[in-house]
């Protein structure tokens, strides 16, 4: 990320809501810096956010693009305990790990960490999540502080690191299982035909080679 993109990223509310059309605030900042995206695609930042980006980029302010949404108040996700089935889908999409719970157990939202991104709403299969306005009539940056944005960015970054670690561990477990199976395929297969076993061995060997290449590329 170049210096302009970093300054643009610092001027964004860090709700990580994806309404700008990009996967996160940092990606949008890079797109704005490169001229790929307009400065009017961030609903949580609202009019003040557009003015901030205009100042940084030297572009003229323009109205918020309605295809990205509308400026609104800060909201908080609330889970109805009576309806929650513990599916964990909302946990998986929350960008700041603001939802806690376990499989088939009731989930709950940690209020200070919720950015009101709305990403949990469409994935809930029983529609047990609602949004409560917590900023009164204040909208955009008037409803959201720089401190909250910094916290949201930190939690988002920490979540990405956690997911990356978990993926590495998951890949290692799968690779270890594949190596064990490859080492004694006859004992791990119901097939006895040597030709079939050879084909399976070739498939496993190719998968192991892909895993090795991926590991080397990532430096893991």
Protein backbone atom coordinates (compact mmCIF):
# COMPACT_ATOMS: atom_id res chain seq x y z
CA UNK A 1 0.00 0.00 0.00
CA UNK A 2 1.48 3.35 -1.02
CA UNK A 3 1.43 6.49 1.13
CA UNK A 4 -1.70 7.97 -0.46
CA UNK A 5 -3.59 4.72 -0.01
CA UNK A 6 -2.53 4.60 3.65
CA UNK A 7 -3.79 8.14 4.22
CA UNK A 8 -7.06 7.35 2.47
CA UNK A 9 -7.45 4.19 4.53
CA UNK A 10 -6.91 6.22 7.70
CA UNK A 11 -9.73 8.55 6.60
CA UNK A 12 -12.23 5.71 6.21
CA UNK A 13 -14.55 4.58 9.05
CA UNK A 14 -13.22 1.00 8.97
CA UNK A 15 -16.63 -0.62 9.30
CA UNK A 16 -15.43 -3.23 6.74
CA UNK A 17 -19.00 -3.37 5.42
CA UNK A 18 -18.04 -3.97 1.73
CA UNK A 19 -20.77 -1.58 0.56
CA UNK A 20 -18.10 0.33 -1.37
CA UNK A 21 -17.84 -2.68 -3.66
CA UNK A 22 -14.50 -3.85 -2.28
CA UNK A 23 -13.72 -6.60 0.26
CA UNK A 24 -12.53 -4.19 2.95
CA UNK A 25 -11.63 -0.57 3.65
CA UNK A 26 -7.96 -1.06 2.75
CA UNK A 27 -8.86 -2.46 -0.67
CA UNK A 28 -11.16 0.48 -1.32
CA UNK A 29 -8.42 2.89 -0.24
CA UNK A 30 -6.01 1.34 -2.73
CA UNK A 31 -8.65 1.54 -5.47
CA UNK A 32 -9.28 5.22 -4.75
CA UNK A 33 -5.55 5.95 -4.67
CA UNK A 34 -5.06 4.30 -8.07
CA UNK A 35 -8.05 6.10 -9.60
CA UNK A 36 -9.98 2.87 -10.03
CA UNK A 37 -12.75 3.85 -7.58
CA UNK A 38 -14.63 7.04 -6.89
CA UNK A 39 -14.42 8.92 -3.60
CA UNK A 40 -18.19 8.67 -3.15
CA UNK A 41 -18.65 4.95 -2.52
CA UNK A 42 -18.54 4.78 1.31
CA UNK A 43 -21.99 5.08 2.92
CA UNK A 44 -20.71 4.83 6.53
CA UNK A 45 -18.41 7.81 5.89
CA UNK A 46 -21.20 9.79 4.31
CA UNK A 47 -20.81 13.35 3.11
CA UNK A 48 -17.99 14.14 5.53
CA UNK A 49 -16.15 11.05 4.39
CA UNK A 50 -16.38 12.18 0.77
CA UNK A 51 -15.01 15.58 1.73
CA UNK A 52 -12.11 13.91 3.53
CA UNK A 53 -11.24 11.85 0.48
CA UNK A 54 -11.63 14.86 -1.80
CA UNK A 55 -9.11 16.74 0.31
CA UNK A 56 -6.64 13.86 0.17
CA UNK A 57 -6.98 13.13 -3.54
CA UNK A 58 -7.56 16.59 -4.95
CA UNK A 59 -10.77 15.45 -6.57
CA UNK A 60 -14.02 17.39 -6.47
CA UNK A 61 -16.60 16.18 -3.94
CA UNK A 62 -19.66 14.49 -5.41
CA UNK A 63 -22.86 13.08 -3.89
CA UNK A 64 -22.73 9.60 -2.39
CA UNK A 65 -23.31 7.01 -5.11
CA UNK A 66 -26.81 5.60 -4.39
CA UNK A 67 -25.79 2.20 -5.77
CA UNK A 68 -23.50 1.83 -2.75
CA UNK A 69 -26.17 2.77 -0.23
CA UNK A 70 -27.21 5.81 1.77
CA UNK A 71 -25.66 7.66 4.69
CA UNK A 72 -27.25 6.59 7.93
CA UNK A 73 -26.88 6.37 11.71
CA UNK A 74 -24.64 3.91 13.51
CA UNK A 75 -26.44 0.65 14.17
CA UNK A 76 -25.82 -2.31 16.45
CA UNK A 77 -26.61 -5.91 15.57
CA UNK A 78 -28.88 -7.61 18.11
CA UNK A 79 -29.53 -11.36 18.15
CA UNK A 80 -32.92 -12.65 19.30
CA UNK A 81 -32.03 -15.35 21.82
CA UNK A 82 -35.34 -17.14 21.35
CA UNK A 83 -34.79 -17.61 17.62
CA UNK A 84 -31.03 -18.19 17.36
CA UNK A 85 -30.23 -21.79 16.34
CA UNK A 86 -26.47 -21.53 16.79
CA UNK A 87 -25.56 -22.04 13.13
CA UNK A 88 -22.33 -19.93 13.45
CA UNK A 89 -22.84 -18.34 10.00
CA UNK A 90 -22.93 -14.83 11.45
CA UNK A 91 -19.74 -15.51 13.39
CA UNK A 92 -17.97 -16.50 10.19
CA UNK A 93 -18.82 -13.26 8.35
CA UNK A 94 -18.37 -10.75 11.18
CA UNK A 95 -15.31 -8.69 10.17
CA UNK A 96 -14.36 -7.71 13.72
CA UNK A 97 -15.11 -10.93 15.63
CA UNK A 98 -17.89 -9.09 17.43
CA UNK A 99 -20.15 -12.15 17.60
CA UNK A 100 -19.40 -15.02 19.97
CA UNK A 101 -21.01 -18.42 20.39
CA UNK A 102 -20.55 -22.02 19.35
CA UNK A 103 -22.28 -24.58 17.19
CA UNK A 104 -25.92 -25.12 18.25
CA UNK A 105 -25.45 -22.66 21.12
CA UNK A 106 -26.94 -19.20 21.33
CA UNK A 107 -24.79 -16.41 19.87
CA UNK A 108 -24.46 -12.90 21.21
CA UNK A 109 -22.96 -9.62 20.01
CA UNK A 110 -20.15 -7.83 21.89
CA UNK A 111 -21.58 -4.34 21.57
CA UNK A 112 -18.37 -2.22 21.61
CA UNK A 113 -16.91 -4.26 18.76
CA UNK A 114 -19.89 -4.19 16.39
CA UNK A 115 -19.44 -1.76 13.48
CA UNK A 116 -23.00 -2.05 12.17
CA UNK A 117 -21.66 -3.52 8.92
CA UNK A 118 -24.89 -5.50 8.33
CA UNK A 119 -22.99 -8.51 6.93
CA UNK A 120 -24.59 -10.83 9.47
CA UNK A 121 -28.14 -10.08 8.33
CA UNK A 122 -28.28 -11.88 4.97
CA UNK A 123 -26.54 -15.05 6.19
CA UNK A 124 -28.86 -15.70 9.15
CA UNK A 125 -31.17 -18.57 8.10
CA UNK A 126 -33.83 -17.80 10.71
CA UNK A 127 -33.75 -13.99 10.47
CA UNK A 128 -33.06 -13.59 14.18
CA UNK A 129 -30.74 -10.57 13.84
CA UNK A 130 -32.00 -7.00 13.87
CA UNK A 131 -30.28 -3.61 13.82
CA UNK A 132 -30.78 -1.01 16.52
CA UNK A 133 -29.86 2.64 15.97
CA UNK A 134 -27.36 3.71 18.63
CA UNK A 135 -26.35 7.17 17.42
CA UNK A 136 -29.69 8.94 17.48
CA UNK A 137 -29.98 11.34 14.54
CA UNK A 138 -26.21 11.51 13.99
CA UNK A 139 -25.08 9.94 10.72
CA UNK A 140 -21.82 9.26 8.88
CA UNK A 141 -18.69 10.37 10.68
CA UNK A 142 -20.87 12.28 13.17
CA UNK A 143 -22.06 8.89 14.44
CA UNK A 144 -18.65 7.22 14.52
CA UNK A 145 -15.42 8.27 16.22
CA UNK A 146 -11.81 8.01 15.10
CA UNK A 147 -11.17 5.81 18.14
CA UNK A 148 -13.90 3.41 17.10
CA UNK A 149 -12.49 3.28 13.58
CA UNK A 150 -9.02 2.50 14.93
CA UNK A 151 -10.42 -0.28 17.10
CA UNK A 152 -12.37 -1.74 14.19
CA UNK A 153 -9.28 -1.74 11.97
CA UNK A 154 -7.23 -3.44 14.68
CA UNK A 155 -9.83 -6.13 15.27
CA UNK A 156 -10.22 -6.71 11.53
CA UNK A 157 -6.46 -7.08 11.11
CA UNK A 158 -6.28 -9.44 14.09
CA UNK A 159 -9.10 -11.53 12.62
CA UNK A 160 -7.28 -11.82 9.29
CA UNK A 161 -4.15 -13.02 11.10
CA UNK A 162 -6.18 -15.55 13.10
CA UNK A 163 -7.87 -16.90 10.00
CA UNK A 164 -4.53 -17.18 8.24
CA UNK A 165 -3.06 -19.13 11.16
CA UNK A 166 -6.07 -21.41 11.27
CA UNK A 167 -5.84 -22.04 7.53
CA UNK A 168 -2.17 -22.94 7.81
CA UNK A 169 -2.90 -25.36 10.65
CA UNK A 170 -5.83 -26.84 8.71
CA UNK A 171 -3.64 -27.37 5.66
CA UNK A 172 -0.94 -28.99 7.78
CA UNK A 173 -3.41 -31.45 9.29
CA UNK A 174 -4.76 -32.40 5.87
CA UNK A 175 -1.27 -32.79 4.48
CA UNK A 176 -0.22 -35.00 7.39
CA UNK A 177 -3.25 -37.24 6.82
CA UNK A 178 -2.49 -37.45 3.10
CA UNK A 179 1.14 -38.38 3.79
CA UNK A 180 0.07 -41.09 6.22
CA UNK A 181 -2.34 -42.50 3.67
CA UNK A 182 0.26 -42.30 0.90
CA UNK A 183 2.82 -44.15 3.02
CA UNK A 184 0.55 -47.19 3.41
CA UNK A 185 -2.23 -46.83 0.87
CA UNK A 186 -3.13 -50.51 0.94
CA UNK A 187 -4.04 -50.30 4.62
CA UNK A 188 -6.19 -47.20 4.08
CA UNK A 189 -8.11 -48.37 1.03
CA UNK A 190 -10.83 -50.91 0.36
CA UNK A 191 -9.40 -51.47 -3.11
CA UNK A 192 -6.89 -54.21 -3.79
CA UNK A 193 -6.44 -53.80 -7.51
CA UNK A 194 -2.84 -52.56 -8.01
CA UNK A 195 -3.88 -50.40 -10.97
CA UNK A 196 -6.53 -48.61 -8.90
CA UNK A 197 -4.12 -48.13 -6.04
CA UNK A 198 -1.51 -46.70 -8.37
CA UNK A 199 -4.00 -44.15 -9.69
CA UNK A 200 -4.96 -43.16 -6.15
CA UNK A 201 -1.30 -42.93 -5.22
CA UNK A 202 -0.68 -40.61 -8.16
CA UNK A 203 -3.60 -38.38 -7.14
CA UNK A 204 -2.35 -38.15 -3.56
CA UNK A 205 1.20 -37.48 -4.72
CA UNK A 206 -0.02 -34.63 -6.93
CA UNK A 207 -2.04 -33.18 -4.05
CA UNK A 208 1.00 -33.33 -1.77
CA UNK A 209 3.10 -31.57 -4.37
CA UNK A 210 0.49 -28.78 -4.65
CA UNK A 211 0.45 -28.45 -0.87
CA UNK A 212 4.24 -28.23 -0.83
CA UNK A 213 4.25 -25.55 -3.54
CA UNK A 214 1.59 -23.56 -1.71
CA UNK A 215 3.54 -23.77 1.54
CA UNK A 216 6.75 -22.59 -0.15
CA UNK A 217 4.94 -19.72 -1.86
CA UNK A 218 3.45 -18.52 1.43
CA UNK A 219 6.68 -18.97 3.37
CA UNK A 220 4.90 -21.15 5.91
